[in-house]
C-alpha cells in the first residue's frame, strides 16, 4: 500500500485553473448565490436522508457520543479517508467505548468529492481520471466508486485482515459523511466545459447520483469548522 505524495505545484496550479474555468462555465453568480436554490432539486435526496445545504447546520446537530472526530478528506489518498474512521471505531471499542459513544464525521472536499457519487457517474464522466482516483484492485483510474457497497474481501489490512470500510458499511456504524457543494459547483462547471456539455444538465446529473445519506454542505472548510464547533477533534484523512 503506497502512500500518496503531497500534491505537486503543477497539480495545485491545475486545480486553480479548474476553479477559473469552472467559475466561468458555471457562472460566478451561481457560486456565491444562496444555496437554498437547490432545495427543490434535492427533494428526492432529502427523502433518502440527504439534505440540501441550508439544512447542514441541522444535520450537524446529529453528531453524538462522548468521543468525537472529523476526518478532513481533501483528495482520494488511497483507502485512508475510510480506513481511519474504521480504526477509530475499532480501537474505541477495544478500550470500552462502543460505536454508539462515538461521533465520526467525514468531510469529502476538493478532489475527494468523487466518493460521494454512484458508479454510473464514475463511468460516464471518467471520475478516476478527473479526480486522480485509482481502483484499489486494478491500480488504474477507477471506473467505479470502490468504497460504495464493496464486495467481501475487497479490503484487507496487513496484520488485521479483512475490514469493512465501504461508505455504506461505515454509515451503518454511525459514521456521517458530507460533501462540499462549492467543489461540486467548480468541478461540474469544469467537466461540462471539457466535455462540451450543458453545465446545468451536468450538475443535475451529479445531484441525481449523490449517494444516499451523504449531506450536501456549503463548503468543505465550512463543514470542518462546524464539526469542530460540535466537539469533533480534527484529523487529516491522509
C-alpha atoms as a PDB file:
ATOM      1  CA  UNK A   1       0.000   0.000   0.000  1.00  0.00           C
ATOM      2  CA  UNK A   2       1.712   3.166  -1.215  1.00  0.00           C
ATOM      3  CA  UNK A   3       1.113   6.491   0.440  1.00  0.00           C
ATOM      4  CA  UNK A   4       0.238   9.279  -1.987  1.00  0.00           C
ATOM      5  CA  UNK A   5       2.786  12.049  -2.174  1.00  0.00           C
ATOM      6  CA  UNK A   6       1.733  15.644  -1.372  1.00  0.00           C
ATOM      7  CA  UNK A   7       0.167  17.422  -4.363  1.00  0.00           C
ATOM      8  CA  UNK A   8       2.749  18.946  -6.672  1.00  0.00           C
ATOM      9  CA  UNK A   9       2.875  22.598  -7.588  1.00  0.00           C
ATOM     10  CA  UNK A  10       1.650  21.621 -11.031  1.00  0.00           C
ATOM     11  CA  UNK A  11      -1.354  19.843  -9.535  1.00  0.00           C
ATOM     12  CA  UNK A  12      -2.217  22.884  -7.421  1.00  0.00           C
ATOM     13  CA  UNK A  13      -1.918  25.169 -10.436  1.00  0.00           C
ATOM     14  CA  UNK A  14      -4.118  22.770 -12.352  1.00  0.00           C
ATOM     15  CA  UNK A  15      -6.789  22.999  -9.708  1.00  0.00           C
ATOM     16  CA  UNK A  16      -6.591  26.786  -9.670  1.00  0.00           C
ATOM     17  CA  UNK A  17      -7.054  26.651 -13.424  1.00  0.00           C
ATOM     18  CA  UNK A  18     -10.050  24.377 -12.902  1.00  0.00           C
ATOM     19  CA  UNK A  19     -11.550  26.889 -10.487  1.00  0.00           C
ATOM     20  CA  UNK A  20     -11.171  29.649 -13.060  1.00  0.00           C
ATOM     21  CA  UNK A  21     -12.706  27.563 -15.833  1.00  0.00           C
ATOM     22  CA  UNK A  22     -15.411  26.242 -13.530  1.00  0.00           C
ATOM     23  CA  UNK A  23     -16.379  29.706 -12.382  1.00  0.00           C
ATOM     24  CA  UNK A  24     -16.617  30.871 -15.977  1.00  0.00           C
ATOM     25  CA  UNK A  25     -18.636  27.864 -17.110  1.00  0.00           C
ATOM     26  CA  UNK A  26     -20.923  27.679 -14.125  1.00  0.00           C
ATOM     27  CA  UNK A  27     -21.349  31.413 -13.749  1.00  0.00           C
ATOM     28  CA  UNK A  28     -19.680  33.295 -10.891  1.00  0.00           C
ATOM     29  CA  UNK A  29     -23.018  34.471  -9.559  1.00  0.00           C
ATOM     30  CA  UNK A  30     -24.050  30.852  -9.122  1.00  0.00           C
ATOM     31  CA  UNK A  31     -21.048  30.211  -6.898  1.00  0.00           C
ATOM     32  CA  UNK A  32     -21.954  32.991  -4.498  1.00  0.00           C
ATOM     33  CA  UNK A  33     -25.746  32.912  -4.759  1.00  0.00           C
ATOM     34  CA  UNK A  34     -27.858  31.427  -1.937  1.00  0.00           C
ATOM     35  CA  UNK A  35     -27.566  27.671  -1.816  1.00  0.00           C
ATOM     36  CA  UNK A  36     -31.260  27.379  -0.998  1.00  0.00           C
ATOM     37  CA  UNK A  37     -31.982  27.379  -4.738  1.00  0.00           C
ATOM     38  CA  UNK A  38     -31.052  23.683  -4.646  1.00  0.00           C
ATOM     39  CA  UNK A  39     -33.907  22.727  -2.312  1.00  0.00           C
ATOM     40  CA  UNK A  40     -36.388  21.706  -4.988  1.00  0.00           C
ATOM     41  CA  UNK A  41     -33.824  19.621  -6.878  1.00  0.00           C
ATOM     42  CA  UNK A  42     -32.771  17.931  -3.638  1.00  0.00           C
ATOM     43  CA  UNK A  43     -36.260  16.904  -2.513  1.00  0.00           C
ATOM     44  CA  UNK A  44     -35.819  13.271  -3.517  1.00  0.00           C
ATOM     45  CA  UNK A  45     -32.373  13.152  -1.904  1.00  0.00           C
ATOM     46  CA  UNK A  46     -33.791  14.558   1.315  1.00  0.00           C
ATOM     47  CA  UNK A  47     -36.233  11.644   1.443  1.00  0.00           C
ATOM     48  CA  UNK A  48     -33.236   9.292   1.394  1.00  0.00           C
ATOM     49  CA  UNK A  49     -31.601  11.106   4.312  1.00  0.00           C
ATOM     50  CA  UNK A  50     -29.602  13.592   2.255  1.00  0.00           C
ATOM     51  CA  UNK A  51     -30.244  17.255   2.918  1.00  0.00           C
ATOM     52  CA  UNK A  52     -29.869  20.484   0.986  1.00  0.00           C
ATOM     53  CA  UNK A  53     -27.021  22.805   2.057  1.00  0.00           C
ATOM     54  CA  UNK A  54     -29.341  25.087   4.041  1.00  0.00           C
ATOM     55  CA  UNK A  55     -30.157  22.105   6.268  1.00  0.00           C
ATOM     56  CA  UNK A  56     -26.485  21.433   7.063  1.00  0.00           C
ATOM     57  CA  UNK A  57     -26.480  23.110  10.485  1.00  0.00           C
ATOM     58  CA  UNK A  58     -29.402  20.916  11.489  1.00  0.00           C
ATOM     59  CA  UNK A  59     -27.526  17.875  10.194  1.00  0.00           C
ATOM     60  CA  UNK A  60     -24.536  18.625  12.425  1.00  0.00           C
ATOM     61  CA  UNK A  61     -26.822  18.539  15.453  1.00  0.00           C
ATOM     62  CA  UNK A  62     -26.945  14.773  14.887  1.00  0.00           C
ATOM     63  CA  UNK A  63     -23.300  14.362  15.941  1.00  0.00           C
ATOM     64  CA  UNK A  64     -23.454  12.457  19.214  1.00  0.00           C
ATOM     65  CA  UNK A  65     -21.334  10.470  21.609  1.00  0.00           C
ATOM     66  CA  UNK A  66     -18.513  11.303  24.014  1.00  0.00           C
ATOM     67  CA  UNK A  67     -15.678  10.687  21.567  1.00  0.00           C
ATOM     68  CA  UNK A  68     -15.986  12.918  18.508  1.00  0.00           C
ATOM     69  CA  UNK A  69     -13.711  13.336  15.498  1.00  0.00           C
ATOM     70  CA  UNK A  70     -13.836  14.822  11.994  1.00  0.00           C
ATOM     71  CA  UNK A  71     -11.765  13.432   9.122  1.00  0.00           C
ATOM     72  CA  UNK A  72     -10.795  16.019   6.520  1.00  0.00           C
ATOM     73  CA  UNK A  73     -10.613  14.209   3.151  1.00  0.00           C
ATOM     74  CA  UNK A  74      -9.159  16.598   0.579  1.00  0.00           C
ATOM     75  CA  UNK A  75      -8.205  14.051  -2.096  1.00  0.00           C
ATOM     76  CA  UNK A  76      -8.511  10.289  -2.718  1.00  0.00           C
ATOM     77  CA  UNK A  77      -5.497   9.277  -0.527  1.00  0.00           C
ATOM     78  CA  UNK A  78      -5.953   5.580  -1.316  1.00  0.00           C
ATOM     79  CA  UNK A  79      -8.045   3.911   1.440  1.00  0.00           C
ATOM     80  CA  UNK A  80      -7.243   6.323   4.270  1.00  0.00           C
ATOM     81  CA  UNK A  81     -10.397   8.528   4.278  1.00  0.00           C
ATOM     82  CA  UNK A  82     -12.334   5.318   5.021  1.00  0.00           C
ATOM     83  CA  UNK A  83      -9.796   3.208   6.903  1.00  0.00           C
ATOM     84  CA  UNK A  84      -9.133   5.784   9.638  1.00  0.00           C
ATOM     85  CA  UNK A  85     -12.797   6.135  10.695  1.00  0.00           C
ATOM     86  CA  UNK A  86     -12.961   2.335  10.998  1.00  0.00           C
ATOM     87  CA  UNK A  87      -9.754   2.240  13.011  1.00  0.00           C
ATOM     88  CA  UNK A  88     -11.158   4.942  15.296  1.00  0.00           C
ATOM     89  CA  UNK A  89     -14.297   2.878  15.915  1.00  0.00           C
ATOM     90  CA  UNK A  90     -12.424  -0.417  16.393  1.00  0.00           C
ATOM     91  CA  UNK A  91      -9.892   0.982  18.837  1.00  0.00           C
ATOM     92  CA  UNK A  92     -12.560   2.810  20.814  1.00  0.00           C
ATOM     93  CA  UNK A  93     -14.471  -0.450  21.039  1.00  0.00           C
ATOM     94  CA  UNK A  94     -11.296  -2.183  22.231  1.00  0.00           C
ATOM     95  CA  UNK A  95     -10.964   0.381  25.005  1.00  0.00           C
ATOM     96  CA  UNK A  96     -14.552   0.100  26.167  1.00  0.00           C
ATOM     97  CA  UNK A  97     -16.402   2.668  24.036  1.00  0.00           C
ATOM     98  CA  UNK A  98     -18.948   1.243  21.575  1.00  0.00           C
ATOM     99  CA  UNK A  99     -19.767   2.899  18.254  1.00  0.00           C
ATOM    100  CA  UNK A 100     -22.822   4.461  19.860  1.00  0.00           C
ATOM    101  CA  UNK A 101     -20.486   6.516  22.064  1.00  0.00           C
ATOM    102  CA  UNK A 102     -18.504   7.828  19.079  1.00  0.00           C
ATOM    103  CA  UNK A 103     -19.329  10.729  16.791  1.00  0.00           C
ATOM    104  CA  UNK A 104     -17.477  10.429  13.478  1.00  0.00           C
ATOM    105  CA  UNK A 105     -17.770  12.875  10.577  1.00  0.00           C
ATOM    106  CA  UNK A 106     -16.005  12.539   7.207  1.00  0.00           C
ATOM    107  CA  UNK A 107     -15.807  15.680   5.068  1.00  0.00           C
ATOM    108  CA  UNK A 108     -15.351  14.929   1.355  1.00  0.00           C
ATOM    109  CA  UNK A 109     -13.966  18.068  -0.250  1.00  0.00           C
ATOM    110  CA  UNK A 110     -11.638  19.195  -3.055  1.00  0.00           C
ATOM    111  CA  UNK A 111     -10.917  16.141  -5.254  1.00  0.00           C
ATOM    112  CA  UNK A 112     -12.279  13.672  -2.686  1.00  0.00           C
ATOM    113  CA  UNK A 113     -15.840  14.671  -3.631  1.00  0.00           C
ATOM    114  CA  UNK A 114     -15.865  11.874  -6.219  1.00  0.00           C
ATOM    115  CA  UNK A 115     -16.550   9.345  -3.460  1.00  0.00           C
ATOM    116  CA  UNK A 116     -19.906  10.972  -2.771  1.00  0.00           C
ATOM    117  CA  UNK A 117     -21.297   9.695  -6.096  1.00  0.00           C
ATOM    118  CA  UNK A 118     -22.571   6.449  -7.567  1.00  0.00           C
ATOM    119  CA  UNK A 119     -20.759   4.184 -10.041  1.00  0.00           C
ATOM    120  CA  UNK A 120     -22.768   5.459 -13.007  1.00  0.00           C
ATOM    121  CA  UNK A 121     -21.149   8.879 -12.780  1.00  0.00           C
ATOM    122  CA  UNK A 122     -17.646   7.444 -12.374  1.00  0.00           C
ATOM    123  CA  UNK A 123     -18.016   5.631 -15.687  1.00  0.00           C
ATOM    124  CA  UNK A 124     -19.828   8.408 -17.567  1.00  0.00           C
ATOM    125  CA  UNK A 125     -17.568  11.318 -16.542  1.00  0.00           C
ATOM    126  CA  UNK A 126     -14.333   9.345 -16.007  1.00  0.00           C
ATOM    127  CA  UNK A 127     -14.037  10.391 -12.380  1.00  0.00           C
ATOM    128  CA  UNK A 128     -10.950   8.220 -11.969  1.00  0.00           C
ATOM    129  CA  UNK A 129      -9.081  10.442 -14.420  1.00  0.00           C
ATOM    130  CA  UNK A 130     -10.674  13.737 -13.391  1.00  0.00           C
ATOM    131  CA  UNK A 131     -10.003  13.231  -9.677  1.00  0.00           C
ATOM    132  CA  UNK A 132      -6.878  11.042  -9.933  1.00  0.00           C
ATOM    133  CA  UNK A 133      -8.655   8.231  -8.097  1.00  0.00           C
ATOM    134  CA  UNK A 134      -7.386   4.699  -8.645  1.00  0.00           C
ATOM    135  CA  UNK A 135      -9.196   1.413  -8.299  1.00  0.00           C
ATOM    136  CA  UNK A 136      -7.580  -0.407  -5.325  1.00  0.00           C
ATOM    137  CA  UNK A 137      -7.688  -3.675  -7.274  1.00  0.00           C
ATOM    138  CA  UNK A 138      -6.601  -2.688 -10.777  1.00  0.00           C
ATOM    139  CA  UNK A 139      -4.462   0.320  -9.742  1.00  0.00           C
ATOM    140  CA  UNK A 140      -5.773   2.073 -12.865  1.00  0.00           C
ATOM    141  CA  UNK A 141      -8.038   5.120 -12.986  1.00  0.00           C
ATOM    142  CA  UNK A 142     -11.231   3.836 -11.422  1.00  0.00           C
ATOM    143  CA  UNK A 143     -14.443   3.442 -13.404  1.00  0.00           C
ATOM    144  CA  UNK A 144     -16.449   2.831 -10.218  1.00  0.00           C
ATOM    145  CA  UNK A 145     -16.731   4.099  -6.678  1.00  0.00           C
ATOM    146  CA  UNK A 146     -14.694   1.403  -4.900  1.00  0.00           C
ATOM    147  CA  UNK A 147     -15.968   2.469  -1.489  1.00  0.00           C
ATOM    148  CA  UNK A 148     -19.681   2.155  -2.186  1.00  0.00           C
ATOM    149  CA  UNK A 149     -21.026  -1.324  -1.399  1.00  0.00           C
ATOM    150  CA  UNK A 150     -17.669  -3.099  -1.829  1.00  0.00           C
ATOM    151  CA  UNK A 151     -17.617  -6.853  -2.182  1.00  0.00           C
ATOM    152  CA  UNK A 152     -16.430  -9.164   0.624  1.00  0.00           C
ATOM    153  CA  UNK A 153     -12.640  -9.331   0.606  1.00  0.00           C
ATOM    154  CA  UNK A 154     -12.153  -6.079  -1.297  1.00  0.00           C
ATOM    155  CA  UNK A 155     -10.165  -4.506   1.538  1.00  0.00           C
ATOM    156  CA  UNK A 156      -7.603  -6.215   3.745  1.00  0.00           C
ATOM    157  CA  UNK A 157      -5.045  -4.650   6.057  1.00  0.00           C
ATOM    158  CA  UNK A 158      -1.730  -6.371   6.890  1.00  0.00           C
ATOM    159  CA  UNK A 159      -1.854  -7.844  10.378  1.00  0.00           C
ATOM    160  CA  UNK A 160      -5.597  -7.177  10.688  1.00  0.00           C
ATOM    161  CA  UNK A 161      -7.236  -8.928   7.781  1.00  0.00           C
ATOM    162  CA  UNK A 162     -10.479  -8.010   6.043  1.00  0.00           C
ATOM    163  CA  UNK A 163     -12.023  -4.687   7.049  1.00  0.00           C
ATOM    164  CA  UNK A 164     -15.433  -3.260   6.241  1.00  0.00           C
ATOM    165  CA  UNK A 165     -14.663   0.271   5.100  1.00  0.00           C
ATOM    166  CA  UNK A 166     -17.328   0.857   2.478  1.00  0.00           C
ATOM    167  CA  UNK A 167     -19.250   4.094   2.892  1.00  0.00           C
ATOM    168  CA  UNK A 168     -22.465   2.134   3.392  1.00  0.00           C
ATOM    169  CA  UNK A 169     -20.762  -0.065   5.999  1.00  0.00           C
ATOM    170  CA  UNK A 170     -19.379   2.930   7.875  1.00  0.00           C
ATOM    171  CA  UNK A 171     -22.771   4.641   7.732  1.00  0.00           C
ATOM    172  CA  UNK A 172     -24.248   1.541   9.376  1.00  0.00           C
ATOM    173  CA  UNK A 173     -21.793   2.144  12.237  1.00  0.00           C
ATOM    174  CA  UNK A 174     -22.997   5.732  12.577  1.00  0.00           C
ATOM    175  CA  UNK A 175     -20.278   7.497  10.577  1.00  0.00           C
ATOM    176  CA  UNK A 176     -21.616  10.696   8.995  1.00  0.00           C
ATOM    177  CA  UNK A 177     -20.482  11.781   5.507  1.00  0.00           C
ATOM    178  CA  UNK A 178     -20.831  15.181   3.873  1.00  0.00           C
ATOM    179  CA  UNK A 179     -19.659  16.645   0.564  1.00  0.00           C
ATOM    180  CA  UNK A 180     -18.569  20.138  -0.478  1.00  0.00           C
ATOM    181  CA  UNK A 181     -21.131  21.940  -2.671  1.00  0.00           C
ATOM    182  CA  UNK A 182     -18.566  24.560  -3.689  1.00  0.00           C
ATOM    183  CA  UNK A 183     -16.257  21.913  -5.125  1.00  0.00           C
ATOM    184  CA  UNK A 184     -19.237  20.274  -6.806  1.00  0.00           C
ATOM    185  CA  UNK A 185     -20.071  23.587  -8.492  1.00  0.00           C
ATOM    186  CA  UNK A 186     -16.484  24.081  -9.657  1.00  0.00           C
ATOM    187  CA  UNK A 187     -15.996  20.564 -10.983  1.00  0.00           C
ATOM    188  CA  UNK A 188     -19.362  20.276 -12.706  1.00  0.00           C
ATOM    189  CA  UNK A 189     -18.519  23.507 -14.478  1.00  0.00           C
ATOM    190  CA  UNK A 190     -15.047  22.290 -15.395  1.00  0.00           C
ATOM    191  CA  UNK A 191     -16.172  18.850 -16.585  1.00  0.00           C
ATOM    192  CA  UNK A 192     -19.059  20.333 -18.563  1.00  0.00           C
ATOM    193  CA  UNK A 193     -16.600  22.671 -20.270  1.00  0.00           C
ATOM    194  CA  UNK A 194     -14.193  19.841 -21.105  1.00  0.00           C
ATOM    195  CA  UNK A 195     -16.938  17.563 -22.423  1.00  0.00           C
ATOM    196  CA  UNK A 196     -18.816  20.348 -24.251  1.00  0.00           C
ATOM    197  CA  UNK A 197     -21.952  19.707 -22.206  1.00  0.00           C
ATOM    198  CA  UNK A 198     -24.523  21.950 -20.591  1.00  0.00           C
ATOM    199  CA  UNK A 199     -23.368  22.741 -17.057  1.00  0.00           C
ATOM    200  CA  UNK A 200     -26.864  22.780 -15.582  1.00  0.00           C
ATOM    201  CA  UNK A 201     -27.551  19.325 -17.008  1.00  0.00           C
ATOM    202  CA  UNK A 202     -24.240  18.019 -15.672  1.00  0.00           C
ATOM    203  CA  UNK A 203     -24.906  19.372 -12.201  1.00  0.00           C
ATOM    204  CA  UNK A 204     -28.430  17.951 -12.252  1.00  0.00           C
ATOM    205  CA  UNK A 205     -26.993  14.574 -13.239  1.00  0.00           C
ATOM    206  CA  UNK A 206     -24.401  14.667 -10.453  1.00  0.00           C
ATOM    207  CA  UNK A 207     -27.018  15.634  -7.898  1.00  0.00           C
ATOM    208  CA  UNK A 208     -29.159  12.709  -9.027  1.00  0.00           C
ATOM    209  CA  UNK A 209     -26.164  10.434  -8.481  1.00  0.00           C
ATOM    210  CA  UNK A 210     -25.386  11.583  -4.939  1.00  0.00           C
ATOM    211  CA  UNK A 211     -25.183   8.572  -2.646  1.00  0.00           C
ATOM    212  CA  UNK A 212     -27.921   8.052  -0.028  1.00  0.00           C
ATOM    213  CA  UNK A 213     -27.268   9.625   3.346  1.00  0.00           C
ATOM    214  CA  UNK A 214     -24.482  11.958   2.237  1.00  0.00           C
ATOM    215  CA  UNK A 215     -25.079  15.525   3.374  1.00  0.00           C
ATOM    216  CA  UNK A 216     -24.504  18.405   0.981  1.00  0.00           C
ATOM    217  CA  UNK A 217     -22.736  21.296   2.763  1.00  0.00           C
ATOM    218  CA  UNK A 218     -21.976  24.835   1.510  1.00  0.00           C
ATOM    219  CA  UNK A 219     -18.239  24.105   1.518  1.00  0.00           C
ATOM    220  CA  UNK A 220     -15.860  21.543   2.942  1.00  0.00           C
ATOM    221  CA  UNK A 221     -13.974  24.074   5.031  1.00  0.00           C
ATOM    222  CA  UNK A 222     -17.310  25.277   6.439  1.00  0.00           C
ATOM    223  CA  UNK A 223     -18.093  21.688   7.425  1.00  0.00           C
ATOM    224  CA  UNK A 224     -14.704  21.155   9.068  1.00  0.00           C
ATOM    225  CA  UNK A 225     -15.343  24.248  11.154  1.00  0.00           C
ATOM    226  CA  UNK A 226     -18.878  23.216  12.076  1.00  0.00           C
ATOM    227  CA  UNK A 227     -17.731  19.751  13.102  1.00  0.00           C
ATOM    228  CA  UNK A 228     -15.171  21.242  15.463  1.00  0.00           C
ATOM    229  CA  UNK A 229     -17.804  23.579  16.881  1.00  0.00           C
ATOM    230  CA  UNK A 230     -19.756  20.414  17.698  1.00  0.00           C
ATOM    231  CA  UNK A 231     -16.857  18.989  19.681  1.00  0.00           C
ATOM    232  CA  UNK A 232     -15.073  16.985  16.985  1.00  0.00           C
ATOM    233  CA  UNK A 233     -11.291  16.729  17.129  1.00  0.00           C
ATOM    234  CA  UNK A 234      -9.628  17.356  13.748  1.00  0.00           C
ATOM    235  CA  UNK A 235      -7.771  14.653  11.807  1.00  0.00           C
ATOM    236  CA  UNK A 236      -6.385  14.907   8.277  1.00  0.00           C
ATOM    237  CA  UNK A 237      -7.620  11.893   6.290  1.00  0.00           C
ATOM    238  CA  UNK A 238      -4.315  11.038   4.651  1.00  0.00           C
END
